[in-house]
Amino acid sequence: MSWASAPPIGLRAGGLALLAAFALAGCGADAGDKGGADAGAEPVGQQLGGSVAHLAQCGDWVGASEAEKLATIEDIRSQVNREDGGVTASALTDAEAMEVFDNGCDEAAAQSYRLHIMYARAAAFKPLREIAEGER
């Protein structure tokens, strides 16, 4: 990535702060907690190809109900952690993803942040967080 295409410093700093907060935050959720979405709830955000994963933003997240948030997490998880992709990646539990999105979407300036990017970055750092916390 060239400097011309790099995100503004504020966005990079915000992203780094989010990752640092996630890496340092403890999580009390069961590691098997991956599918708590209510069957009747719809994920929030604009759909593209039958999924909201790539277009859901913090602005959608903030106004969502608990059931809609869980459905959104499940939709994003199913796209980021695809079984047919040939690449394995750490999956966040519902509680971990909820914490990442709640903390990352807390600021007014974050309204246009894409949830799937936040999820993928937090999931990428999950193994390091587990090592740092002595879980591995």
Protein backbone atom coordinates (compact mmCIF):
# COMPACT_ATOMS: atom_id res chain seq x y z
CA MET A 1 0.00 0.00 0.00
CA SER A 2 1.41 3.36 -0.93
CA TRP A 3 1.26 6.40 1.31
CA ALA A 4 -1.14 8.00 -1.15
CA SER A 5 -3.69 5.23 -0.58
CA ALA A 6 -3.14 4.89 3.17
CA PRO A 7 -6.06 5.85 5.41
CA PRO A 8 -5.86 9.19 7.24
CA ILE A 9 -3.79 9.14 10.42
CA GLY A 10 -6.92 9.53 12.58
CA LEU A 11 -8.44 6.38 11.10
CA ARG A 12 -5.21 4.42 11.51
CA ALA A 13 -4.84 5.61 15.10
CA GLY A 14 -8.47 4.75 15.83
CA GLY A 15 -8.02 1.30 14.35
CA LEU A 16 -4.86 0.71 16.35
CA ALA A 17 -6.58 1.88 19.52
CA LEU A 18 -9.45 -0.51 18.84
CA LEU A 19 -7.06 -3.41 18.31
CA ALA A 20 -5.09 -2.54 21.43
CA ALA A 21 -8.28 -2.33 23.48
CA PHE A 22 -9.40 -5.70 22.18
CA ALA A 23 -6.01 -7.28 22.82
CA LEU A 24 -5.97 -6.05 26.41
CA ALA A 25 -9.63 -6.69 27.19
CA GLY A 26 -10.60 -9.91 28.90
CA CYS A 27 -13.58 -11.84 27.74
CA GLY A 28 -15.81 -13.97 29.90
CA ALA A 29 -17.62 -15.73 27.06
CA ASP A 30 -17.41 -19.44 26.45
CA ALA A 31 -15.13 -20.22 23.52
CA GLY A 32 -17.90 -22.33 21.98
CA ASP A 33 -20.36 -19.41 21.91
CA LYS A 34 -20.56 -18.81 18.19
CA GLY A 35 -24.17 -18.99 17.12
CA GLY A 36 -26.48 -17.14 19.47
CA ALA A 37 -28.41 -15.24 16.79
CA ASP A 38 -32.18 -15.27 17.24
CA ALA A 39 -33.72 -17.15 14.30
CA GLY A 40 -36.38 -14.41 13.85
CA ALA A 41 -34.04 -11.43 13.89
CA GLU A 42 -32.59 -9.88 10.75
CA PRO A 43 -29.03 -8.57 10.60
CA VAL A 44 -28.65 -4.80 10.27
CA GLY A 45 -27.16 -2.98 7.31
CA GLN A 46 -27.62 -2.95 3.57
CA GLN A 47 -27.62 -6.36 1.89
CA LEU A 48 -25.29 -7.28 -0.94
CA GLY A 49 -25.58 -10.75 -2.41
CA GLY A 50 -27.82 -11.98 0.42
CA SER A 51 -25.50 -10.80 3.20
CA VAL A 52 -25.02 -7.58 5.14
CA ALA A 53 -21.46 -8.54 6.09
CA HIS A 54 -19.61 -6.25 3.69
CA LEU A 55 -21.84 -3.18 4.03
CA ALA A 56 -22.89 -3.14 7.71
CA GLN A 57 -21.52 -0.06 9.46
CA CYS A 58 -21.29 1.26 13.00
CA GLY A 59 -24.25 3.55 12.27
CA ASP A 60 -26.38 0.44 11.67
CA TRP A 61 -24.98 -1.28 14.77
CA VAL A 62 -25.67 1.52 17.25
CA GLY A 63 -29.42 1.54 16.60
CA ALA A 64 -29.88 -2.24 16.51
CA SER A 65 -31.62 -4.44 19.06
CA GLU A 66 -29.74 -7.22 20.87
CA ALA A 67 -31.26 -9.86 18.58
CA GLU A 68 -30.37 -7.86 15.45
CA LYS A 69 -26.81 -7.43 16.73
CA LEU A 70 -26.45 -11.19 17.26
CA ALA A 71 -27.86 -11.87 13.78
CA THR A 72 -25.39 -9.35 12.33
CA ILE A 73 -22.47 -11.01 14.13
CA GLU A 74 -23.52 -14.41 12.79
CA ASP A 75 -23.78 -13.03 9.23
CA ILE A 76 -20.36 -11.37 9.44
CA ARG A 77 -18.79 -14.47 11.01
CA SER A 78 -20.17 -16.65 8.21
CA GLN A 79 -18.52 -14.42 5.60
CA VAL A 80 -15.18 -13.77 7.34
CA ASN A 81 -14.72 -17.36 8.56
CA ARG A 82 -15.81 -19.16 5.39
CA GLU A 83 -15.30 -22.90 5.42
CA ASP A 84 -14.86 -23.03 1.63
CA GLY A 85 -12.17 -20.34 1.50
CA GLY A 86 -9.18 -22.60 2.03
CA VAL A 87 -7.79 -20.30 4.72
CA THR A 88 -8.50 -20.81 8.39
CA ALA A 89 -8.99 -17.81 10.62
CA SER A 90 -9.88 -17.37 14.27
CA ALA A 91 -13.56 -16.83 14.91
CA LEU A 92 -14.76 -14.44 17.57
CA THR A 93 -17.42 -15.53 20.02
CA ASP A 94 -20.63 -13.53 20.15
CA ALA A 95 -19.42 -11.80 23.33
CA GLU A 96 -16.02 -10.96 21.80
CA ALA A 97 -17.58 -9.56 18.62
CA MET A 98 -20.16 -7.61 20.64
CA GLU A 99 -17.34 -6.06 22.70
CA VAL A 100 -15.35 -5.12 19.60
CA PHE A 101 -18.35 -3.53 17.88
CA ASP A 102 -19.70 -1.79 20.99
CA ASN A 103 -16.29 -0.29 21.81
CA GLY A 104 -15.36 0.48 18.20
CA CYS A 105 -18.69 2.11 17.35
CA ASP A 106 -18.83 4.18 20.53
CA GLU A 107 -17.51 7.39 18.95
CA ALA A 108 -19.63 9.56 16.65
CA ALA A 109 -16.80 9.65 14.10
CA ALA A 110 -17.01 5.85 13.74
CA GLN A 111 -20.46 5.78 12.13
CA SER A 112 -19.12 4.75 8.71
CA TYR A 113 -16.66 2.11 9.96
CA ARG A 114 -17.33 -1.28 8.36
CA LEU A 115 -18.10 -3.98 10.90
CA HIS A 116 -16.54 -6.82 8.89
CA ILE A 117 -13.19 -5.01 8.83
CA MET A 118 -13.30 -4.55 12.61
CA TYR A 119 -14.25 -8.22 13.05
CA ALA A 120 -11.50 -9.52 10.75
CA ARG A 121 -8.80 -7.43 12.43
CA ALA A 122 -9.89 -8.41 15.93
CA ALA A 123 -10.04 -12.08 14.90
CA ALA A 124 -6.53 -11.83 13.42
CA PHE A 125 -5.20 -10.67 16.80
CA LYS A 126 -7.17 -13.21 18.83
CA PRO A 127 -4.36 -15.83 18.94
CA LEU A 128 -1.91 -13.20 20.19
CA ARG A 129 -4.37 -12.05 22.86
CA GLU A 130 -4.83 -15.64 24.01
CA ILE A 131 -1.06 -16.12 24.27
CA ALA A 132 -0.68 -12.85 26.18
CA GLU A 133 -3.42 -13.88 28.62
CA GLY A 134 -1.93 -17.36 29.08
CA GLU A 135 -4.85 -19.17 27.46
CA ARG A 136 -2.59 -20.99 25.01
